PDB file of N, CA and C in Angstrom:
ATOM      1  N   UNK A   1     116.762 328.204  71.658  1.00  0.00           N
ATOM      2  CA  UNK A   1     116.047 327.374  72.699  1.00  0.00           C
ATOM      3  C   UNK A   1     116.157 326.154  71.715  1.00  0.00           C
ATOM      4  N   UNK A   2     115.898 325.430  73.051  1.00  0.00           N
ATOM      5  CA  UNK A   2     116.265 323.987  73.023  1.00  0.00           C
ATOM      6  C   UNK A   2     115.897 323.368  71.941  1.00  0.00           C
ATOM      7  N   UNK A   3     116.260 322.234  71.374  1.00  0.00           N
ATOM      8  CA  UNK A   3     115.908 321.283  70.763  1.00  0.00           C
ATOM      9  C   UNK A   3     114.371 320.647  71.096  1.00  0.00           C
ATOM     10  N   UNK A   4     114.243 320.061  72.319  1.00  0.00           N
ATOM     11  CA  UNK A   4     113.206 319.411  72.985  1.00  0.00           C
ATOM     12  C   UNK A   4     112.018 321.207  72.670  1.00  0.00           C
ATOM     13  N   UNK A   5     112.431 321.986  73.304  1.00  0.00           N
ATOM     14  CA  UNK A   5     111.538 323.252  73.485  1.00  0.00           C
ATOM     15  C   UNK A   5     111.306 323.365  72.005  1.00  0.00           C
ATOM     16  N   UNK A   6     111.779 323.429  71.110  1.00  0.00           N
ATOM     17  CA  UNK A   6     111.585 323.554  69.661  1.00  0.00           C
ATOM     18  C   UNK A   6     110.628 322.535  69.116  1.00  0.00           C
ATOM     19  N   UNK A   7     110.981 321.247  69.640  1.00  0.00           N
ATOM     20  CA  UNK A   7     109.962 320.297  69.236  1.00  0.00           C
ATOM     21  C   UNK A   7     108.636 320.363  70.274  1.00  0.00           C
ATOM     22  N   UNK A   8     108.434 320.896  70.993  1.00  0.00           N
ATOM     23  CA  UNK A   8     107.017 321.084  71.631  1.00  0.00           C
ATOM     24  C   UNK A   8     106.382 322.138  71.329  1.00  0.00           C
ATOM     25  N   UNK A   9     106.802 323.311  70.677  1.00  0.00           N
ATOM     26  CA  UNK A   9     106.428 324.203  69.987  1.00  0.00           C
ATOM     27  C   UNK A   9     105.720 323.519  68.822  1.00  0.00           C
ATOM     28  N   UNK A  10     106.310 323.050  67.801  1.00  0.00           N
ATOM     29  CA  UNK A  10     106.384 322.187  66.692  1.00  0.00           C
ATOM     30  C   UNK A  10     104.908 321.125  66.636  1.00  0.00           C
ATOM     31  N   UNK A  11     104.841 320.735  67.588  1.00  0.00           N
ATOM     32  CA  UNK A  11     103.707 319.709  68.022  1.00  0.00           C
ATOM     33  C   UNK A  11     102.820 320.745  68.280  1.00  0.00           C
ATOM     34  N   UNK A  12     102.843 321.195  69.313  1.00  0.00           N
ATOM     35  CA  UNK A  12     101.696 322.292  69.168  1.00  0.00           C
ATOM     36  C   UNK A  12     101.004 322.962  68.041  1.00  0.00           C
ATOM     37  N   UNK A  13     101.776 323.472  67.030  1.00  0.00           N
ATOM     38  CA  UNK A  13     101.290 323.847  66.112  1.00  0.00           C
ATOM     39  C   UNK A  13     100.568 322.807  65.013  1.00  0.00           C
ATOM     40  N   UNK A  14     101.063 321.498  65.237  1.00  0.00           N
ATOM     41  CA  UNK A  14     100.543 320.750  64.115  1.00  0.00           C
ATOM     42  C   UNK A  14      99.122 320.396  65.016  1.00  0.00           C
ATOM     43  N   UNK A  15      99.256 320.355  66.183  1.00  0.00           N
ATOM     44  CA  UNK A  15      97.900 319.719  67.080  1.00  0.00           C
ATOM     45  C   UNK A  15      97.045 321.269  66.786  1.00  0.00           C
ATOM     46  N   UNK A  16      97.449 322.528  66.833  1.00  0.00           N
ATOM     47  CA  UNK A  16      96.444 323.061  66.676  1.00  0.00           C
ATOM     48  C   UNK A  16      96.217 323.450  64.640  1.00  0.00           C
ATOM     49  N   UNK A  17      97.002 323.028  64.007  1.00  0.00           N
ATOM     50  CA  UNK A  17      96.406 322.597  62.921  1.00  0.00           C
ATOM     51  C   UNK A  17      95.353 321.589  62.433  1.00  0.00           C
ATOM     52  N   UNK A  18      95.767 320.405  63.065  1.00  0.00           N
ATOM     53  CA  UNK A  18      95.099 319.162  62.906  1.00  0.00           C
ATOM     54  C   UNK A  18      93.715 319.356  63.727  1.00  0.00           C
ATOM     55  N   UNK A  19      93.529 320.672  64.743  1.00  0.00           N
ATOM     56  CA  UNK A  19      92.225 320.348  65.472  1.00  0.00           C
ATOM     57  C   UNK A  19      91.454 321.611  64.273  1.00  0.00           C
ATOM     58  N   UNK A  20      92.081 322.649  63.375  1.00  0.00           N
ATOM     59  CA  UNK A  20      91.380 323.449  62.496  1.00  0.00           C
ATOM     60  C   UNK A  20      91.307 322.628  61.819  1.00  0.00           C
ATOM     61  N   UNK A  21      91.420 321.781  61.098  1.00  0.00           N
ATOM     62  CA  UNK A  21      91.007 320.890  59.957  1.00  0.00           C
ATOM     63  C   UNK A  21      92.126 321.228  58.947  1.00  0.00           C
ATOM     64  N   UNK A  22      93.038 322.261  59.187  1.00  0.00           N
ATOM     65  CA  UNK A  22      94.238 322.129  57.925  1.00  0.00           C
ATOM     66  C   UNK A  22      94.919 321.354  57.561  1.00  0.00           C
ATOM     67  N   UNK A  23      95.478 320.252  58.752  1.00  0.00           N
ATOM     68  CA  UNK A  23      96.339 318.944  57.849  1.00  0.00           C
ATOM     69  C   UNK A  23      95.232 317.600  58.953  1.00  0.00           C
ATOM     70  N   UNK A  24      95.666 316.830  58.271  1.00  0.00           N
ATOM     71  CA  UNK A  24      94.749 315.275  59.000  1.00  0.00           C
ATOM     72  C   UNK A  24      95.944 314.740  59.912  1.00  0.00           C
ATOM     73  N   UNK A  25      95.788 314.096  60.726  1.00  0.00           N
ATOM     74  CA  UNK A  25      96.097 313.616  61.699  1.00  0.00           C
ATOM     75  C   UNK A  25      97.166 312.235  60.997  1.00  0.00           C
ATOM     76  N   UNK A  26      97.920 312.019  61.364  1.00  0.00           N
ATOM     77  CA  UNK A  26      98.373 310.518  61.292  1.00  0.00           C
ATOM     78  C   UNK A  26      98.167 309.565  61.589  1.00  0.00           C
ATOM     79  N   UNK A  27      97.830 308.467  60.678  1.00  0.00           N
ATOM     80  CA  UNK A  27      96.814 307.156  61.151  1.00  0.00           C
ATOM     81  C   UNK A  27      98.090 306.784  61.842  1.00  0.00           C
ATOM     82  N   UNK A  28      97.972 305.975  62.630  1.00  0.00           N
ATOM     83  CA  UNK A  28      98.872 304.775  63.247  1.00  0.00           C
ATOM     84  C   UNK A  28      97.970 303.662  63.413  1.00  0.00           C
ATOM     85  N   UNK A  29      99.183 302.679  63.476  1.00  0.00           N
ATOM     86  CA  UNK A  29      98.310 301.280  63.356  1.00  0.00           C
ATOM     87  C   UNK A  29      98.750 300.247  64.285  1.00  0.00           C
ATOM     88  N   UNK A  30      98.282 299.918  64.811  1.00  0.00           N
ATOM     89  CA  UNK A  30      98.418 299.231  66.141  1.00  0.00           C
ATOM     90  C   UNK A  30      97.448 297.829  66.035  1.00  0.00           C
ATOM     91  N   UNK A  31      98.791 296.991  65.405  1.00  0.00           N
ATOM     92  CA  UNK A  31      98.118 295.752  65.470  1.00  0.00           C
ATOM     93  C   UNK A  31      97.344 294.792  66.933  1.00  0.00           C
ATOM     94  N   UNK A  32      96.586 294.241  66.774  1.00  0.00           N
ATOM     95  CA  UNK A  32      95.083 293.226  67.533  1.00  0.00           C
ATOM     96  C   UNK A  32      96.328 292.754  68.549  1.00  0.00           C
ATOM     97  N   UNK A  33      96.178 292.337  70.004  1.00  0.00           N
ATOM     98  CA  UNK A  33      96.849 291.568  71.000  1.00  0.00           C
ATOM     99  C   UNK A  33      97.518 290.201  70.029  1.00  0.00           C
ATOM    100  N   UNK A  34      98.560 289.692  70.090  1.00  0.00           N
ATOM    101  CA  UNK A  34      99.134 288.836  69.281  1.00  0.00           C
ATOM    102  C   UNK A  34      99.619 287.809  70.411  1.00  0.00           C
ATOM    103  N   UNK A  35      99.366 286.084  70.037  1.00  0.00           N
ATOM    104  CA  UNK A  35      99.358 285.326  70.828  1.00  0.00           C
ATOM    105  C   UNK A  35     101.006 284.856  70.486  1.00  0.00           C
ATOM    106  N   UNK A  36     102.289 285.374  71.397  1.00  0.00           N
ATOM    107  CA  UNK A  36     102.947 284.841  71.579  1.00  0.00           C
ATOM    108  C   UNK A  36     103.554 283.431  71.284  1.00  0.00           C
ATOM    109  N   UNK A  37     103.086 282.716  72.577  1.00  0.00           N
ATOM    110  CA  UNK A  37     103.314 281.149  72.493  1.00  0.00           C
ATOM    111  C   UNK A  37     102.884 280.936  71.160  1.00  0.00           C
ATOM    112  N   UNK A  38     101.929 280.865  70.694  1.00  0.00           N
ATOM    113  CA  UNK A  38     101.508 280.597  69.304  1.00  0.00           C
ATOM    114  C   UNK A  38     102.858 280.690  68.091  1.00  0.00           C
ATOM    115  N   UNK A  39     103.375 282.152  68.047  1.00  0.00           N
ATOM    116  CA  UNK A  39     104.497 282.703  67.348  1.00  0.00           C
ATOM    117  C   UNK A  39     105.700 281.683  67.724  1.00  0.00           C
ATOM    118  N   UNK A  40     105.771 281.412  68.774  1.00  0.00           N
ATOM    119  CA  UNK A  40     107.188 280.756  69.263  1.00  0.00           C
ATOM    120  C   UNK A  40     106.882 279.681  68.976  1.00  0.00           C
ATOM    121  N   UNK A  41     105.692 278.847  69.373  1.00  0.00           N
ATOM    122  CA  UNK A  41     105.916 277.166  69.137  1.00  0.00           C
ATOM    123  C   UNK A  41     105.838 277.114  67.457  1.00  0.00           C
ATOM    124  N   UNK A  42     105.395 278.011  66.518  1.00  0.00           N
ATOM    125  CA  UNK A  42     105.166 277.858  65.125  1.00  0.00           C
ATOM    126  C   UNK A  42     106.747 277.773  64.616  1.00  0.00           C
ATOM    127  N   UNK A  43     107.576 278.632  65.000  1.00  0.00           N
ATOM    128  CA  UNK A  43     108.549 279.034  64.812  1.00  0.00           C
ATOM    129  C   UNK A  43     109.596 277.339  65.373  1.00  0.00           C
ATOM    130  N   UNK A  44     109.486 276.911  65.930  1.00  0.00           N
ATOM    131  CA  UNK A  44     109.833 275.854  66.697  1.00  0.00           C
ATOM    132  C   UNK A  44     111.190 276.194  68.008  1.00  0.00           C
ATOM    133  N   UNK A  45     110.920 277.558  68.498  1.00  0.00           N
ATOM    134  CA  UNK A  45     111.565 277.637  69.615  1.00  0.00           C
ATOM    135  C   UNK A  45     111.312 277.941  71.065  1.00  0.00           C
ATOM    136  N   UNK A  46     112.378 277.016  72.296  1.00  0.00           N
ATOM    137  CA  UNK A  46     111.934 277.873  73.261  1.00  0.00           C
ATOM    138  C   UNK A  46     111.595 278.953  73.914  1.00  0.00           C
ATOM    139  N   UNK A  47     111.241 278.942  74.820  1.00  0.00           N
ATOM    140  CA  UNK A  47     110.857 280.690  75.241  1.00  0.00           C
ATOM    141  C   UNK A  47     112.279 281.283  74.991  1.00  0.00           C
ATOM    142  N   UNK A  48     113.548 280.650  75.713  1.00  0.00           N
ATOM    143  CA  UNK A  48     114.903 281.016  75.756  1.00  0.00           C
ATOM    144  C   UNK A  48     115.249 281.499  74.409  1.00  0.00           C
ATOM    145  N   UNK A  49     115.173 280.466  73.240  1.00  0.00           N
ATOM    146  CA  UNK A  49     115.917 280.789  72.234  1.00  0.00           C
ATOM    147  C   UNK A  49     114.924 281.596  71.255  1.00  0.00           C
ATOM    148  N   UNK A  50     113.698 282.171  72.028  1.00  0.00           N
ATOM    149  CA  UNK A  50     112.848 282.801  71.172  1.00  0.00           C
ATOM    150  C   UNK A  50     113.118 284.508  71.526  1.00  0.00           C
ATOM    151  N   UNK A  51     113.664 284.460  73.169  1.00  0.00           N
ATOM    152  CA  UNK A  51     114.254 285.611  73.603  1.00  0.00           C
ATOM    153  C   UNK A  51     115.299 286.093  72.896  1.00  0.00           C
ATOM    154  N   UNK A  52     116.409 285.286  72.912  1.00  0.00           N
ATOM    155  CA  UNK A  52     118.006 285.528  72.683  1.00  0.00           C
ATOM    156  C   UNK A  52     117.835 285.982  71.025  1.00  0.00           C
ATOM    157  N   UNK A  53     117.068 284.588  70.300  1.00  0.00           N
ATOM    158  CA  UNK A  53     117.170 285.096  69.191  1.00  0.00           C
ATOM    159  C   UNK A  53     116.561 286.504  68.531  1.00  0.00           C
ATOM    160  N   UNK A  54     115.532 286.881  68.827  1.00  0.00           N
ATOM    161  CA  UNK A  54     114.927 288.445  68.745  1.00  0.00           C
ATOM    162  C   UNK A  54     114.986 289.443  69.794  1.00  0.00           C
ATOM    163  N   UNK A  55     116.137 289.367  70.670  1.00  0.00           N
ATOM    164  CA  UNK A  55     116.363 290.461  71.416  1.00  0.00           C
ATOM    165  C   UNK A  55     115.013 290.740  72.411  1.00  0.00           C
ATOM    166  N   UNK A  56     114.462 289.866  72.768  1.00  0.00           N
ATOM    167  CA  UNK A  56     113.635 290.199  74.218  1.00  0.00           C
ATOM    168  C   UNK A  56     114.133 289.430  75.286  1.00  0.00           C
ATOM    169  N   UNK A  57     113.815 289.993  76.459  1.00  0.00           N
ATOM    170  CA  UNK A  57     114.195 289.174  77.731  1.00  0.00           C
ATOM    171  C   UNK A  57     113.140 288.014  77.523  1.00  0.00           C
ATOM    172  N   UNK A  58     113.940 287.046  78.664  1.00  0.00           N
ATOM    173  CA  UNK A  58     113.202 286.114  78.712  1.00  0.00           C
ATOM    174  C   UNK A  58     112.164 285.785  79.765  1.00  0.00           C
ATOM    175  N   UNK A  59     112.083 287.358  80.480  1.00  0.00           N
ATOM    176  CA  UNK A  59     110.858 287.430  81.083  1.00  0.00           C
ATOM    177  C   UNK A  59     109.815 288.390  80.616  1.00  0.00           C
ATOM    178  N   UNK A  60     110.303 288.801  79.733  1.00  0.00           N
ATOM    179  CA  UNK A  60     109.389 289.552  79.023  1.00  0.00           C
ATOM    180  C   UNK A  60     108.334 288.646  78.226  1.00  0.00           C
ATOM    181  N   UNK A  61     109.130 287.725  77.446  1.00  0.00           N
ATOM    182  CA  UNK A  61     107.929 286.405  76.992  1.00  0.00           C
ATOM    183  C   UNK A  61     107.485 286.172  78.274  1.00  0.00           C
ATOM    184  N   UNK A  62     107.958 285.371  79.234  1.00  0.00           N
ATOM    185  CA  UNK A  62     107.147 284.390  79.920  1.00  0.00           C
ATOM    186  C   UNK A  62     105.918 285.197  80.584  1.00  0.00           C
ATOM    187  N   UNK A  63     106.241 286.761  80.681  1.00  0.00           N
ATOM    188  CA  UNK A  63     105.240 287.376  81.031  1.00  0.00           C
ATOM    189  C   UNK A  63     103.896 287.369  79.976  1.00  0.00           C
ATOM    190  N   UNK A  64     104.494 287.454  78.894  1.00  0.00           N
ATOM    191  CA  UNK A  64     103.499 288.159  77.838  1.00  0.00           C
ATOM    192  C   UNK A  64     102.690 286.259  77.141  1.00  0.00           C
ATOM    193  N   UNK A  65     103.215 285.243  77.672  1.00  0.00           N
ATOM    194  CA  UNK A  65     102.319 284.196  77.347  1.00  0.00           C
ATOM    195  C   UNK A  65     101.856 283.568  78.636  1.00  0.00           C
ATOM    196  N   UNK A  66     101.921 284.114  79.717  1.00  0.00           N
ATOM    197  CA  UNK A  66     101.451 283.781  80.830  1.00  0.00           C
ATOM    198  C   UNK A  66     100.401 284.917  81.431  1.00  0.00           C
ATOM    199  N   UNK A  67      99.901 286.120  80.514  1.00  0.00           N
ATOM    200  CA  UNK A  67      99.033 286.947  80.661  1.00  0.00           C
ATOM    201  C   UNK A  67      99.777 287.774  81.462  1.00  0.00           C
ATOM    202  N   UNK A  68     100.667 288.279  82.067  1.00  0.00           N
ATOM    203  CA  UNK A  68     100.581 288.786  83.207  1.00  0.00           C
ATOM    204  C   UNK A  68     101.235 289.991  82.611  1.00  0.00           C
ATOM    205  N   UNK A  69     101.510 290.553  81.613  1.00  0.00           N
ATOM    206  CA  UNK A  69     101.503 291.939  81.011  1.00  0.00           C
ATOM    207  C   UNK A  69     101.359 291.435  79.201  1.00  0.00           C
ATOM    208  N   UNK A  70     101.366 292.491  78.203  1.00  0.00           N
ATOM    209  CA  UNK A  70     101.031 292.136  77.016  1.00  0.00           C
ATOM    210  C   UNK A  70     101.984 293.139  76.197  1.00  0.00           C
ATOM    211  N   UNK A  71     102.467 292.829  75.011  1.00  0.00           N
ATOM    212  CA  UNK A  71     103.369 293.551  74.258  1.00  0.00           C
ATOM    213  C   UNK A  71     102.605 294.689  73.894  1.00  0.00           C
ATOM    214  N   UNK A  72     103.716 296.159  73.938  1.00  0.00           N
ATOM    215  CA  UNK A  72     103.100 297.066  74.040  1.00  0.00           C
ATOM    216  C   UNK A  72     103.690 297.149  72.379  1.00  0.00           C
ATOM    217  N   UNK A  73     102.602 298.771  71.511  1.00  0.00           N
ATOM    218  CA  UNK A  73     102.612 298.856  70.390  1.00  0.00           C
ATOM    219  C   UNK A  73     103.841 298.183  69.326  1.00  0.00           C
ATOM    220  N   UNK A  74     104.840 298.719  69.240  1.00  0.00           N
ATOM    221  CA  UNK A  74     105.750 298.549  68.643  1.00  0.00           C
ATOM    222  C   UNK A  74     106.365 297.144  68.626  1.00  0.00           C
ATOM    223  N   UNK A  75     106.378 296.446  70.057  1.00  0.00           N
ATOM    224  CA  UNK A  75     106.319 295.136  70.319  1.00  0.00           C
ATOM    225  C   UNK A  75     105.435 294.452  69.561  1.00  0.00           C
ATOM    226  N   UNK A  76     104.270 294.296  69.305  1.00  0.00           N
ATOM    227  CA  UNK A  76     103.381 293.441  69.029  1.00  0.00           C
ATOM    228  C   UNK A  76     103.280 293.274  67.546  1.00  0.00           C
ATOM    229  N   UNK A  77     104.285 294.764  67.003  1.00  0.00           N
ATOM    230  CA  UNK A  77     104.192 294.742  65.274  1.00  0.00           C
ATOM    231  C   UNK A  77     105.653 293.861  64.894  1.00  0.00           C
ATOM    232  N   UNK A  78     106.343 294.310  65.751  1.00  0.00           N
ATOM    233  CA  UNK A  78     107.497 293.377  65.460  1.00  0.00           C
ATOM    234  C   UNK A  78     107.231 291.600  65.984  1.00  0.00           C
ATOM    235  N   UNK A  79     106.336 291.851  66.577  1.00  0.00           N
ATOM    236  CA  UNK A  79     106.116 290.028  67.008  1.00  0.00           C
ATOM    237  C   UNK A  79     105.084 289.828  65.435  1.00  0.00           C
ATOM    238  N   UNK A  80     104.551 290.573  64.973  1.00  0.00           N
ATOM    239  CA  UNK A  80     103.121 289.958  63.881  1.00  0.00           C
ATOM    240  C   UNK A  80     104.479 290.357  62.671  1.00  0.00           C
ATOM    241  N   UNK A  81     105.522 290.717  62.613  1.00  0.00           N
ATOM    242  CA  UNK A  81     106.804 290.233  61.667  1.00  0.00           C
ATOM    243  C   UNK A  81     107.499 289.404  62.016  1.00  0.00           C
ATOM    244  N   UNK A  82     107.770 288.786  63.034  1.00  0.00           N
ATOM    245  CA  UNK A  82     108.003 287.202  63.461  1.00  0.00           C
ATOM    246  C   UNK A  82     107.233 286.655  62.971  1.00  0.00           C
ATOM    247  N   UNK A  83     106.049 286.529  62.865  1.00  0.00           N
ATOM    248  CA  UNK A  83     104.769 285.557  62.928  1.00  0.00           C
ATOM    249  C   UNK A  83     105.107 285.433  61.372  1.00  0.00           C
ATOM    250  N   UNK A  84     105.281 286.429  60.630  1.00  0.00           N
ATOM    251  CA  UNK A  84     104.715 286.582  58.991  1.00  0.00           C
ATOM    252  C   UNK A  84     106.069 286.200  58.168  1.00  0.00           C
ATOM    253  N   UNK A  85     107.263 286.930  58.268  1.00  0.00           N
ATOM    254  CA  UNK A  85     108.810 286.214  57.780  1.00  0.00           C
ATOM    255  C   UNK A  85     110.133 286.121  58.800  1.00  0.00           C
ATOM    256  N   UNK A  86     109.584 284.662  59.620  1.00  0.00           N
ATOM    257  CA  UNK A  86     110.729 285.050  61.272  1.00  0.00           C
ATOM    258  C   UNK A  86     111.843 284.904  60.483  1.00  0.00           C
ATOM    259  N   UNK A  87     112.216 284.255  59.057  1.00  0.00           N
ATOM    260  CA  UNK A  87     113.967 283.820  58.261  1.00  0.00           C
ATOM    261  C   UNK A  87     114.371 285.384  58.108  1.00  0.00           C
ATOM    262  N   UNK A  88     113.333 285.982  57.684  1.00  0.00           N
ATOM    263  CA  UNK A  88     113.680 287.690  57.393  1.00  0.00           C
ATOM    264  C   UNK A  88     113.827 288.357  58.815  1.00  0.00           C
ATOM    265  N   UNK A  89     113.339 288.254  59.480  1.00  0.00           N
ATOM    266  CA  UNK A  89     113.755 288.920  60.366  1.00  0.00           C
ATOM    267  C   UNK A  89     114.949 288.704  61.315  1.00  0.00           C
ATOM    268  N   UNK A  90     115.197 287.049  61.406  1.00  0.00           N
ATOM    269  CA  UNK A  90     116.088 286.676  61.797  1.00  0.00           C
ATOM    270  C   UNK A  90     117.587 287.240  60.975  1.00  0.00           C
ATOM    271  N   UNK A  91     117.443 287.289  59.358  1.00  0.00           N
ATOM    272  CA  UNK A  91     118.605 287.787  58.657  1.00  0.00           C
ATOM    273  C   UNK A  91     118.707 289.012  59.373  1.00  0.00           C
ATOM    274  N   UNK A  92     117.901 290.034  59.443  1.00  0.00           N
ATOM    275  CA  UNK A  92     117.740 291.808  59.826  1.00  0.00           C
ATOM    276  C   UNK A  92     118.181 291.950  60.870  1.00  0.00           C
ATOM    277  N   UNK A  93     118.164 290.784  62.178  1.00  0.00           N
ATOM    278  CA  UNK A  93     118.928 290.545  63.409  1.00  0.00           C
ATOM    279  C   UNK A  93     120.475 290.251  63.448  1.00  0.00           C
ATOM    280  N   UNK A  94     120.810 289.343  62.875  1.00  0.00           N
ATOM    281  CA  UNK A  94     122.033 289.220  62.595  1.00  0.00           C
ATOM    282  C   UNK A  94     122.957 290.057  62.178  1.00  0.00           C
ATOM    283  N   UNK A  95     122.338 290.909  61.423  1.00  0.00           N
ATOM    284  CA  UNK A  95     122.888 292.295  60.600  1.00  0.00           C
ATOM    285  C   UNK A  95     122.970 293.343  61.572  1.00  0.00           C
ATOM    286  N   UNK A  96     121.945 293.299  62.470  1.00  0.00           N
ATOM    287  CA  UNK A  96     122.147 294.627  63.789  1.00  0.00           C
ATOM    288  C   UNK A  96     123.010 293.968  64.185  1.00  0.00           C
ATOM    289  N   UNK A  97     123.169 292.724  65.127  1.00  0.00           N
ATOM    290  CA  UNK A  97     124.122 292.113  65.957  1.00  0.00           C
ATOM    291  C   UNK A  97     125.776 292.281  65.529  1.00  0.00           C
ATOM    292  N   UNK A  98     125.578 291.990  63.915  1.00  0.00           N
ATOM    293  CA  UNK A  98     127.181 292.119  63.550  1.00  0.00           C
ATOM    294  C   UNK A  98     127.524 293.718  63.300  1.00  0.00           C
ATOM    295  N   UNK A  99     126.321 294.758  62.956  1.00  0.00           N
ATOM    296  CA  UNK A  99     127.007 295.940  63.134  1.00  0.00           C
ATOM    297  C   UNK A  99     126.687 296.446  64.474  1.00  0.00           C
ATOM    298  N   UNK A 100     126.731 296.013  65.423  1.00  0.00           N
ATOM    299  CA  UNK A 100     126.301 296.787  66.909  1.00  0.00           C
ATOM    300  C   UNK A 100     128.325 296.412  67.567  1.00  0.00           C
ATOM    301  N   UNK A 101     127.938 295.017  67.276  1.00  0.00           N
ATOM    302  CA  UNK A 101     129.943 294.024  67.397  1.00  0.00           C
ATOM    303  C   UNK A 101     131.012 294.893  66.565  1.00  0.00           C
ATOM    304  N   UNK A 102     130.679 295.286  65.330  1.00  0.00           N
ATOM    305  CA  UNK A 102     131.391 296.110  64.982  1.00  0.00           C
ATOM    306  C   UNK A 102     131.621 297.596  65.167  1.00  0.00           C
ATOM    307  N   UNK A 103     130.729 298.107  65.576  1.00  0.00           N
ATOM    308  CA  UNK A 103     131.168 299.461  66.745  1.00  0.00           C
ATOM    309  C   UNK A 103     131.620 299.510  67.671  1.00  0.00           C
ATOM    310  N   UNK A 104     131.380 298.333  68.511  1.00  0.00           N
ATOM    311  CA  UNK A 104     131.884 298.339  69.955  1.00  0.00           C
ATOM    312  C   UNK A 104     133.751 297.859  69.392  1.00  0.00           C
ATOM    313  N   UNK A 105     133.886 297.221  68.768  1.00  0.00           N
ATOM    314  CA  UNK A 105     135.418 297.174  68.401  1.00  0.00           C
ATOM    315  C   UNK A 105     135.736 297.599  67.953  1.00  0.00           C
ATOM    316  N   UNK A 106     135.523 298.790  67.701  1.00  0.00           N
ATOM    317  CA  UNK A 106     136.032 300.070  67.013  1.00  0.00           C
ATOM    318  C   UNK A 106     136.582 301.075  67.739  1.00  0.00           C
TER     319      UNK A 106
END
């Protein structure tokens, strides 16, 4: 059986156990809509700088700020982390970029 097939069967078993009350469903935290423009302005970055620093596309940032689209769940959580601790996220992003660069060089 393929890995995908096994995962599907495992997921079906888990759903069945949840339906029977044998186990509890995982709770998922999805933050409320976020004000991307406010977060960006609080940090003091242009749209271009914000997108580049935090690995968004400039189109995403513009669309979010102009209401043409909204960040999906994981992006909203990431944006909330940026809002709460921008310097910590910057430090992590630096490490991620350095690791990626060293892996590309190898």
